[in-house]
């Protein structure tokens, strides 16, 4: 056991993105363990976090961001730095960033000797066409003093950069995400205006990394054998500019003609509705081309939903052959075959119990405890 710590947890926004959810759940679990945690984020809309977490929060008021993505990132970094320039805002033992924006802010504060050290969780590393964004991404990582990753795949990436990281994984609340059936699912289906038919759920919005166009092409092929199928694409609240890919997606969607009505782009979903959205689904389609861990995989499994995933790390690190339905993310025919298999009763009877078992092994308490040794090391170094 270590003495209670005062921890500033920093996320890039108040939206329900995977990294923000991870930072929030980690903050809550550390609070339960007796630490004083304040979850920080720039609050562009002035509405606070997507849900009220069971920990301290600091929603930093900011001005509307410029349309240019690089200028927006630099503005948000400046917003963070301005907040922490006040000594009253820095009464913490640990400063912990989860993204490029907050990582850059802490790097600047460290450079100006306003904080001694900081921790950085690297969920994944992006590729940007703008050299300035690549430079900012590197600067958000390399100056940190302690590193965490959510998977061994990204631990190896950091190792190749000469950085040693602790793998902390992800977690899931198995009481909240559970195969509990009630009239609430029917009510949600009615609100979303979803007709009868099997529902294939994609979470993450329309993004290249999520392979949404590949999912759409696979769904087009699936309709040949399951014309009653529905594709529901949820999420998409991102600070990054995905407009080019989204335009390409819309062009592909138009080629479905009358079948385009079977594709439902529902956008960000209220947090209270997420458990029932999973329960409505016949399968989660998650053939990502790049992923940090895939938090929604655990949420779907805990909800009793078969999961279709790419045959790549990090999924291959924590899932066995029987836990999921695997596909080649680069071939829509492979994704379509996996979607069809997810409706086969004997396949479902295998993967659903396996998924529930997998979800039961991943608790947020375990994730929080995995941070404590590194936190103690960081605090000792700061006090030396």
Protein backbone atom coordinates (compact mmCIF):
# COMPACT_ATOMS: atom_id res chain seq x y z
CA UNK A 1 0.00 0.00 0.00
CA UNK A 2 1.13 3.57 -0.65
CA UNK A 3 -0.07 6.75 0.97
CA UNK A 4 -3.07 8.43 -0.66
CA UNK A 5 -2.01 10.48 -3.66
CA UNK A 6 -3.38 13.67 -5.15
CA UNK A 7 -3.64 12.93 -8.87
CA UNK A 8 -4.40 15.26 -11.75
CA UNK A 9 -5.79 13.06 -14.56
CA UNK A 10 -5.84 14.84 -17.92
CA UNK A 11 -8.00 13.96 -20.94
CA UNK A 12 -8.31 15.76 -24.27
CA UNK A 13 -12.05 16.41 -24.19
CA UNK A 14 -15.30 15.76 -22.32
CA UNK A 15 -16.65 13.54 -25.14
CA UNK A 16 -17.13 9.74 -24.78
CA UNK A 17 -14.02 8.70 -26.69
CA UNK A 18 -12.13 5.56 -25.65
CA UNK A 19 -9.21 7.41 -24.06
CA UNK A 20 -11.53 9.72 -22.14
CA UNK A 21 -13.62 6.78 -20.90
CA UNK A 22 -10.42 5.02 -19.79
CA UNK A 23 -9.18 8.13 -17.95
CA UNK A 24 -12.58 8.56 -16.27
CA UNK A 25 -12.93 4.94 -15.18
CA UNK A 26 -9.32 4.91 -13.94
CA UNK A 27 -10.01 8.08 -11.94
CA UNK A 28 -13.09 6.52 -10.37
CA UNK A 29 -11.26 3.30 -9.49
CA UNK A 30 -8.35 5.20 -7.94
CA UNK A 31 -10.84 7.26 -5.92
CA UNK A 32 -12.38 4.04 -4.57
CA UNK A 33 -8.86 2.96 -3.57
CA UNK A 34 -8.59 6.09 -1.42
CA UNK A 35 -6.73 8.53 -3.68
CA UNK A 36 -7.79 12.11 -4.42
CA UNK A 37 -8.26 12.29 -8.19
CA UNK A 38 -9.42 15.24 -10.27
CA UNK A 39 -10.24 14.48 -13.90
CA UNK A 40 -9.42 17.45 -16.14
CA UNK A 41 -10.49 18.27 -19.69
CA UNK A 42 -11.06 21.31 -21.91
CA UNK A 43 -14.82 21.90 -22.04
CA UNK A 44 -15.55 23.53 -25.39
CA UNK A 45 -19.34 23.13 -25.12
CA UNK A 46 -19.61 24.18 -21.48
CA UNK A 47 -21.73 21.12 -20.70
CA UNK A 48 -19.23 19.08 -18.71
CA UNK A 49 -18.31 15.44 -19.16
CA UNK A 50 -20.60 13.07 -21.04
CA UNK A 51 -21.55 11.66 -17.63
CA UNK A 52 -20.94 12.73 -14.05
CA UNK A 53 -18.02 10.65 -12.76
CA UNK A 54 -17.54 9.48 -9.18
CA UNK A 55 -14.36 11.53 -8.75
CA UNK A 56 -13.34 15.16 -8.75
CA UNK A 57 -13.59 17.03 -12.04
CA UNK A 58 -12.18 20.20 -13.55
CA UNK A 59 -13.85 21.20 -16.80
CA UNK A 60 -11.68 23.98 -18.19
CA UNK A 61 -13.65 26.71 -19.99
CA UNK A 62 -12.22 27.36 -23.45
CA UNK A 63 -13.02 29.45 -26.47
CA UNK A 64 -14.31 27.83 -29.69
CA UNK A 65 -11.44 26.18 -31.49
CA UNK A 66 -10.17 27.23 -34.95
CA UNK A 67 -11.38 25.14 -37.88
CA UNK A 68 -7.83 24.12 -38.78
CA UNK A 69 -6.95 20.93 -36.86
CA UNK A 70 -3.36 21.88 -36.09
CA UNK A 71 -4.41 25.31 -34.85
CA UNK A 72 -7.13 23.67 -32.75
CA UNK A 73 -4.63 21.31 -31.11
CA UNK A 74 -2.24 24.17 -30.36
CA UNK A 75 -5.09 26.25 -28.93
CA UNK A 76 -6.17 23.45 -26.59
CA UNK A 77 -2.58 22.93 -25.45
CA UNK A 78 -2.41 26.65 -24.61
CA UNK A 79 -5.75 26.43 -22.78
CA UNK A 80 -4.36 23.66 -20.58
CA UNK A 81 -1.08 25.47 -19.92
CA UNK A 82 -2.91 28.66 -18.99
CA UNK A 83 -5.03 26.77 -16.47
CA UNK A 84 -2.06 25.11 -14.75
CA UNK A 85 0.07 28.27 -14.70
CA UNK A 86 -1.86 29.18 -11.56
CA UNK A 87 -0.14 27.61 -8.54
CA UNK A 88 -3.58 26.90 -7.04
CA UNK A 89 -4.25 24.51 -9.92
CA UNK A 90 -1.07 22.48 -9.33
CA UNK A 91 -1.65 21.05 -5.84
CA UNK A 92 -1.08 17.46 -7.03
CA UNK A 93 1.49 14.74 -6.43
CA UNK A 94 0.98 13.17 -9.86
CA UNK A 95 0.17 14.70 -13.25
CA UNK A 96 -1.02 12.09 -15.73
CA UNK A 97 -1.78 12.77 -19.43
CA UNK A 98 -3.73 10.44 -21.74
CA UNK A 99 -3.36 12.15 -25.12
CA UNK A 100 -1.37 14.49 -27.31
CA UNK A 101 -3.02 17.68 -26.14
CA UNK A 102 -2.62 17.15 -22.40
CA UNK A 103 0.79 15.52 -22.90
CA UNK A 104 2.07 18.62 -24.68
CA UNK A 105 0.66 20.85 -21.96
CA UNK A 106 2.45 18.88 -19.24
CA UNK A 107 5.65 18.88 -21.31
CA UNK A 108 5.48 22.68 -21.43
CA UNK A 109 4.82 22.92 -17.68
CA UNK A 110 7.77 20.62 -17.02
CA UNK A 111 9.97 22.65 -19.38
CA UNK A 112 9.10 25.79 -17.41
CA UNK A 113 9.79 24.01 -14.09
CA UNK A 114 6.16 24.38 -12.99
CA UNK A 115 5.87 20.61 -12.45
CA UNK A 116 8.78 18.23 -11.82
CA UNK A 117 7.58 15.09 -13.61
CA UNK A 118 4.57 13.65 -15.38
CA UNK A 119 3.09 10.31 -16.46
CA UNK A 120 1.77 9.51 -19.93
CA UNK A 121 -0.57 6.76 -21.09
CA UNK A 122 -0.12 6.00 -24.79
CA UNK A 123 -3.35 4.44 -26.05
CA UNK A 124 -2.15 4.48 -29.65
CA UNK A 125 -0.03 6.61 -31.98
CA UNK A 126 -1.58 8.26 -35.02
CA UNK A 127 -0.15 9.17 -38.41
CA UNK A 128 -0.78 12.74 -39.57
CA UNK A 129 -0.07 14.36 -42.92
CA UNK A 130 0.85 17.61 -41.17
CA UNK A 131 4.48 17.44 -39.93
CA UNK A 132 3.59 19.86 -37.13
CA UNK A 133 0.98 17.45 -35.77
CA UNK A 134 3.52 14.61 -35.88
CA UNK A 135 6.00 16.83 -34.02
CA UNK A 136 3.39 17.66 -31.38
CA UNK A 137 2.49 13.98 -30.99
CA UNK A 138 6.15 13.09 -30.37
CA UNK A 139 6.52 15.97 -27.92
CA UNK A 140 3.50 14.73 -25.98
CA UNK A 141 5.22 11.37 -25.40
CA UNK A 142 9.00 11.60 -25.25
CA UNK A 143 9.42 14.12 -22.36
CA UNK A 144 7.25 12.08 -19.96
CA UNK A 145 8.91 10.30 -17.04
CA UNK A 146 6.63 7.29 -16.56
CA UNK A 147 4.77 5.49 -19.35
CA UNK A 148 1.69 3.29 -19.46
CA UNK A 149 0.08 1.48 -22.36
CA UNK A 150 -3.16 -0.48 -22.65
CA UNK A 151 -1.63 -3.34 -24.65
CA UNK A 152 1.66 -5.13 -25.21
CA UNK A 153 1.55 -4.14 -28.87
CA UNK A 154 1.94 -0.46 -27.98
CA UNK A 155 4.40 -1.31 -25.23
CA UNK A 156 6.63 -2.73 -27.99
CA UNK A 157 6.19 0.42 -30.08
CA UNK A 158 7.38 2.54 -27.15
CA UNK A 159 10.23 0.13 -26.47
CA UNK A 160 11.41 0.72 -30.05
CA UNK A 161 11.50 4.44 -29.18
CA UNK A 162 13.69 3.65 -26.17
CA UNK A 163 10.83 4.06 -23.68
CA UNK A 164 9.84 1.50 -21.05
CA UNK A 165 6.10 1.31 -20.38
CA UNK A 166 3.87 -0.57 -17.96
CA UNK A 167 0.95 -2.43 -19.55
CA UNK A 168 -2.18 -1.64 -17.54
CA UNK A 169 -4.88 -2.95 -19.89
CA UNK A 170 -8.51 -1.92 -19.80
CA UNK A 171 -11.53 -2.73 -17.71
CA UNK A 172 -15.29 -3.05 -17.85
CA UNK A 173 -18.11 -2.58 -15.34
CA UNK A 174 -19.81 -5.98 -15.54
CA UNK A 175 -22.72 -4.82 -13.41
CA UNK A 176 -23.56 -1.98 -15.79
CA UNK A 177 -22.80 -3.86 -19.00
CA UNK A 178 -24.64 -7.14 -18.52
CA UNK A 179 -27.08 -9.33 -20.52
CA UNK A 180 -30.13 -8.04 -18.67
CA UNK A 181 -33.26 -7.87 -20.82
CA UNK A 182 -36.25 -5.59 -20.29
CA UNK A 183 -38.66 -3.33 -22.14
CA UNK A 184 -35.98 -0.63 -22.18
CA UNK A 185 -34.37 -2.21 -25.23
CA UNK A 186 -37.65 -2.10 -27.14
CA UNK A 187 -38.14 1.53 -26.15
CA UNK A 188 -34.65 2.43 -27.38
CA UNK A 189 -35.22 0.60 -30.65
CA UNK A 190 -38.41 2.58 -31.15
CA UNK A 191 -36.65 5.88 -30.39
CA UNK A 192 -33.93 5.05 -32.90
CA UNK A 193 -36.60 4.06 -35.46
CA UNK A 194 -34.93 0.73 -36.14
CA UNK A 195 -37.11 -1.73 -38.07
CA UNK A 196 -37.16 -5.50 -37.37
CA UNK A 197 -34.05 -7.45 -38.32
CA UNK A 198 -30.64 -8.42 -36.92
CA UNK A 199 -28.58 -5.43 -35.81
CA UNK A 200 -24.87 -5.15 -36.50
CA UNK A 201 -23.41 -2.44 -34.27
CA UNK A 202 -20.32 -0.41 -35.15
CA UNK A 203 -18.98 2.00 -32.53
CA UNK A 204 -16.53 4.84 -33.15
CA UNK A 205 -18.25 6.81 -35.87
CA UNK A 206 -17.05 7.03 -39.47
CA UNK A 207 -13.25 6.96 -39.27
CA UNK A 208 -10.48 5.36 -41.31
CA UNK A 209 -8.94 3.71 -38.22
CA UNK A 210 -12.28 2.09 -37.45
CA UNK A 211 -12.48 0.73 -41.03
CA UNK A 212 -16.04 2.02 -41.45
CA UNK A 213 -15.96 1.86 -45.26
CA UNK A 214 -14.79 -1.75 -45.02
CA UNK A 215 -17.71 -2.45 -42.69
CA UNK A 216 -20.11 -0.81 -45.13
CA UNK A 217 -18.85 -2.91 -48.06
CA UNK A 218 -19.08 -6.05 -45.91
CA UNK A 219 -22.64 -5.12 -44.97
CA UNK A 220 -23.51 -4.68 -48.66
CA UNK A 221 -22.33 -8.24 -49.28
CA UNK A 222 -24.19 -9.54 -46.23
CA UNK A 223 -27.47 -8.12 -47.51
CA UNK A 224 -27.38 -10.68 -50.32
CA UNK A 225 -28.05 -13.43 -47.74
CA UNK A 226 -29.68 -11.37 -44.97
CA UNK A 227 -31.76 -8.64 -46.65
CA UNK A 228 -33.39 -7.82 -43.30
CA UNK A 229 -30.08 -6.92 -41.63
CA UNK A 230 -29.39 -3.46 -40.18
CA UNK A 231 -26.08 -1.64 -39.71
CA UNK A 232 -26.03 0.86 -36.84
CA UNK A 233 -23.00 3.16 -36.65
CA UNK A 234 -22.76 4.92 -33.28
CA UNK A 235 -20.33 7.48 -31.89
CA UNK A 236 -18.01 9.79 -33.74
CA UNK A 237 -17.46 12.71 -31.34
CA UNK A 238 -13.83 13.41 -32.27
CA UNK A 239 -11.55 16.42 -32.19
CA UNK A 240 -9.71 15.15 -35.26
CA UNK A 241 -10.80 15.97 -38.79
CA UNK A 242 -12.25 12.90 -40.51
CA UNK A 243 -14.23 14.87 -43.11
CA UNK A 244 -12.38 13.46 -46.15
CA UNK A 245 -13.00 9.86 -45.10
CA UNK A 246 -16.59 10.66 -44.16
CA UNK A 247 -17.23 12.12 -47.62
CA UNK A 248 -15.88 8.94 -49.17
CA UNK A 249 -18.16 6.92 -46.88
CA UNK A 250 -21.20 8.93 -47.98
CA UNK A 251 -20.33 8.28 -51.61
CA UNK A 252 -20.11 4.54 -50.95
CA UNK A 253 -23.36 4.63 -49.00
CA UNK A 254 -25.16 6.27 -51.93
CA UNK A 255 -24.20 3.29 -54.10
CA UNK A 256 -26.42 1.07 -51.93
CA UNK A 257 -29.46 2.89 -53.39
CA UNK A 258 -32.60 1.53 -51.65
CA UNK A 259 -30.49 -0.56 -49.27
CA UNK A 260 -28.94 2.62 -47.86
CA UNK A 261 -32.00 2.87 -45.59
CA UNK A 262 -30.68 -0.19 -43.73
CA UNK A 263 -27.66 1.86 -42.56
CA UNK A 264 -28.36 4.02 -39.51
CA UNK A 265 -25.80 6.69 -38.55
CA UNK A 266 -26.98 7.57 -35.05
CA UNK A 267 -23.96 9.62 -33.89
CA UNK A 268 -22.95 9.96 -30.23
CA UNK A 269 -25.28 8.08 -27.89
CA UNK A 270 -26.29 9.22 -24.42
CA UNK A 271 -24.25 7.36 -21.83
CA UNK A 272 -27.39 6.07 -20.13
CA UNK A 273 -28.43 4.40 -23.39
CA UNK A 274 -25.16 2.60 -24.10
CA UNK A 275 -25.87 -0.62 -22.13
CA UNK A 276 -29.20 -1.05 -23.90
CA UNK A 277 -27.65 -0.26 -27.28
CA UNK A 278 -25.29 -3.19 -26.82
CA UNK A 279 -28.17 -5.43 -25.72
CA UNK A 280 -30.09 -4.53 -28.86
CA UNK A 281 -27.21 -5.66 -31.07
CA UNK A 282 -26.89 -9.13 -32.53
CA UNK A 283 -23.14 -8.54 -32.97
CA UNK A 284 -20.51 -5.85 -32.51
CA UNK A 285 -18.57 -5.31 -35.76
CA UNK A 286 -15.11 -4.03 -34.84
CA UNK A 287 -12.63 -4.79 -37.65
CA UNK A 288 -10.28 -1.93 -36.77
CA UNK A 289 -7.12 -1.33 -38.79
CA UNK A 290 -5.37 0.09 -35.74
CA UNK A 291 -6.49 -0.02 -32.13
CA UNK A 292 -5.05 0.68 -28.70
CA UNK A 293 -7.05 -2.05 -26.97
CA UNK A 294 -10.68 -1.89 -28.05
CA UNK A 295 -12.57 -0.95 -24.89
CA UNK A 296 -15.94 -1.50 -26.59
CA UNK A 297 -15.00 -5.15 -27.14
CA UNK A 298 -15.14 -5.74 -23.39
CA UNK A 299 -18.38 -3.77 -23.05
CA UNK A 300 -20.06 -5.82 -25.78
CA UNK A 301 -18.81 -9.11 -24.36
CA UNK A 302 -20.04 -8.20 -20.88
CA UNK A 303 -23.42 -7.45 -22.47
CA UNK A 304 -23.66 -10.95 -23.96
CA UNK A 305 -23.01 -9.82 -27.55
CA UNK A 306 -20.79 -11.72 -30.02
CA UNK A 307 -17.83 -9.65 -31.17
CA UNK A 308 -16.26 -9.54 -34.63
CA UNK A 309 -12.64 -8.37 -34.46
CA UNK A 310 -9.58 -8.09 -36.67
CA UNK A 311 -6.96 -10.83 -36.55
CA UNK A 312 -4.34 -8.36 -35.34
CA UNK A 313 -2.80 -7.21 -32.08
CA UNK A 314 -3.99 -6.04 -29.61
CA UNK A 315 -7.03 -8.32 -30.00
CA UNK A 316 -4.83 -11.38 -30.39
CA UNK A 317 -3.20 -10.55 -27.03
CA UNK A 318 -6.27 -10.98 -24.85
CA UNK A 319 -8.71 -13.02 -26.94
CA UNK A 320 -8.43 -16.69 -27.90
CA UNK A 321 -9.77 -18.33 -31.05
CA UNK A 322 -13.06 -19.18 -29.30
CA UNK A 323 -13.65 -15.80 -27.65
CA UNK A 324 -14.60 -13.86 -30.79
CA UNK A 325 -15.34 -14.16 -34.49
CA UNK A 326 -12.19 -13.22 -36.37
CA UNK A 327 -11.75 -11.51 -39.72
CA UNK A 328 -9.18 -10.01 -42.04
CA UNK A 329 -9.91 -6.26 -41.77
CA UNK A 330 -8.43 -5.59 -45.22
CA UNK A 331 -10.97 -7.83 -46.98
CA UNK A 332 -14.66 -6.91 -46.76
CA UNK A 333 -15.60 -10.46 -47.80
CA UNK A 334 -13.91 -11.74 -44.64
CA UNK A 335 -15.81 -9.22 -42.52
CA UNK A 336 -19.08 -10.16 -44.24
CA UNK A 337 -18.44 -13.86 -43.58
CA UNK A 338 -17.81 -13.10 -39.90
CA UNK A 339 -21.05 -11.09 -39.74
CA UNK A 340 -22.99 -14.02 -41.21
CA UNK A 341 -21.34 -16.45 -38.80
CA UNK A 342 -22.29 -14.27 -35.83
CA UNK A 343 -25.96 -15.12 -36.50
CA UNK A 344 -25.41 -18.89 -36.54
CA UNK A 345 -26.84 -20.36 -33.30
CA UNK A 346 -24.01 -22.82 -32.63
CA UNK A 347 -21.43 -20.05 -33.12
CA UNK A 348 -23.31 -17.75 -30.76
CA UNK A 349 -23.59 -20.53 -28.18
CA UNK A 350 -19.79 -20.74 -28.20
CA UNK A 351 -18.67 -17.12 -28.27
CA UNK A 352 -21.22 -15.51 -25.92
CA UNK A 353 -20.19 -17.56 -22.82
CA UNK A 354 -16.52 -17.12 -23.72
CA UNK A 355 -17.03 -13.37 -24.04
CA UNK A 356 -18.70 -13.16 -20.65
CA UNK A 357 -15.74 -15.02 -19.15
CA UNK A 358 -13.26 -12.65 -20.81
CA UNK A 359 -15.11 -9.57 -19.53
CA UNK A 360 -15.09 -11.00 -16.01
CA UNK A 361 -11.28 -10.95 -15.99
CA UNK A 362 -10.99 -7.20 -16.68
CA UNK A 363 -11.87 -4.98 -13.74
CA UNK A 364 -11.15 -1.27 -13.44
CA UNK A 365 -9.80 -1.90 -9.92
CA UNK A 366 -7.11 -4.13 -11.43
CA UNK A 367 -6.26 -1.38 -13.94
CA UNK A 368 -5.99 1.19 -11.15
CA UNK A 369 -3.79 -1.05 -9.01
CA UNK A 370 -1.44 -1.56 -11.96
CA UNK A 371 -0.60 2.17 -11.83
CA UNK A 372 0.32 2.43 -8.16
CA UNK A 373 3.91 1.20 -8.20
CA UNK A 374 4.87 3.59 -11.01
CA UNK A 375 3.00 6.43 -9.30
CA UNK A 376 4.97 5.79 -6.10
CA UNK A 377 8.23 5.88 -8.07
CA UNK A 378 7.23 9.19 -9.66
CA UNK A 379 6.30 10.75 -6.33
CA UNK A 380 9.56 9.64 -4.72
CA UNK A 381 11.53 11.18 -7.60
CA UNK A 382 9.58 14.43 -7.26
CA UNK A 383 10.33 14.57 -3.53
CA UNK A 384 14.02 13.70 -3.90
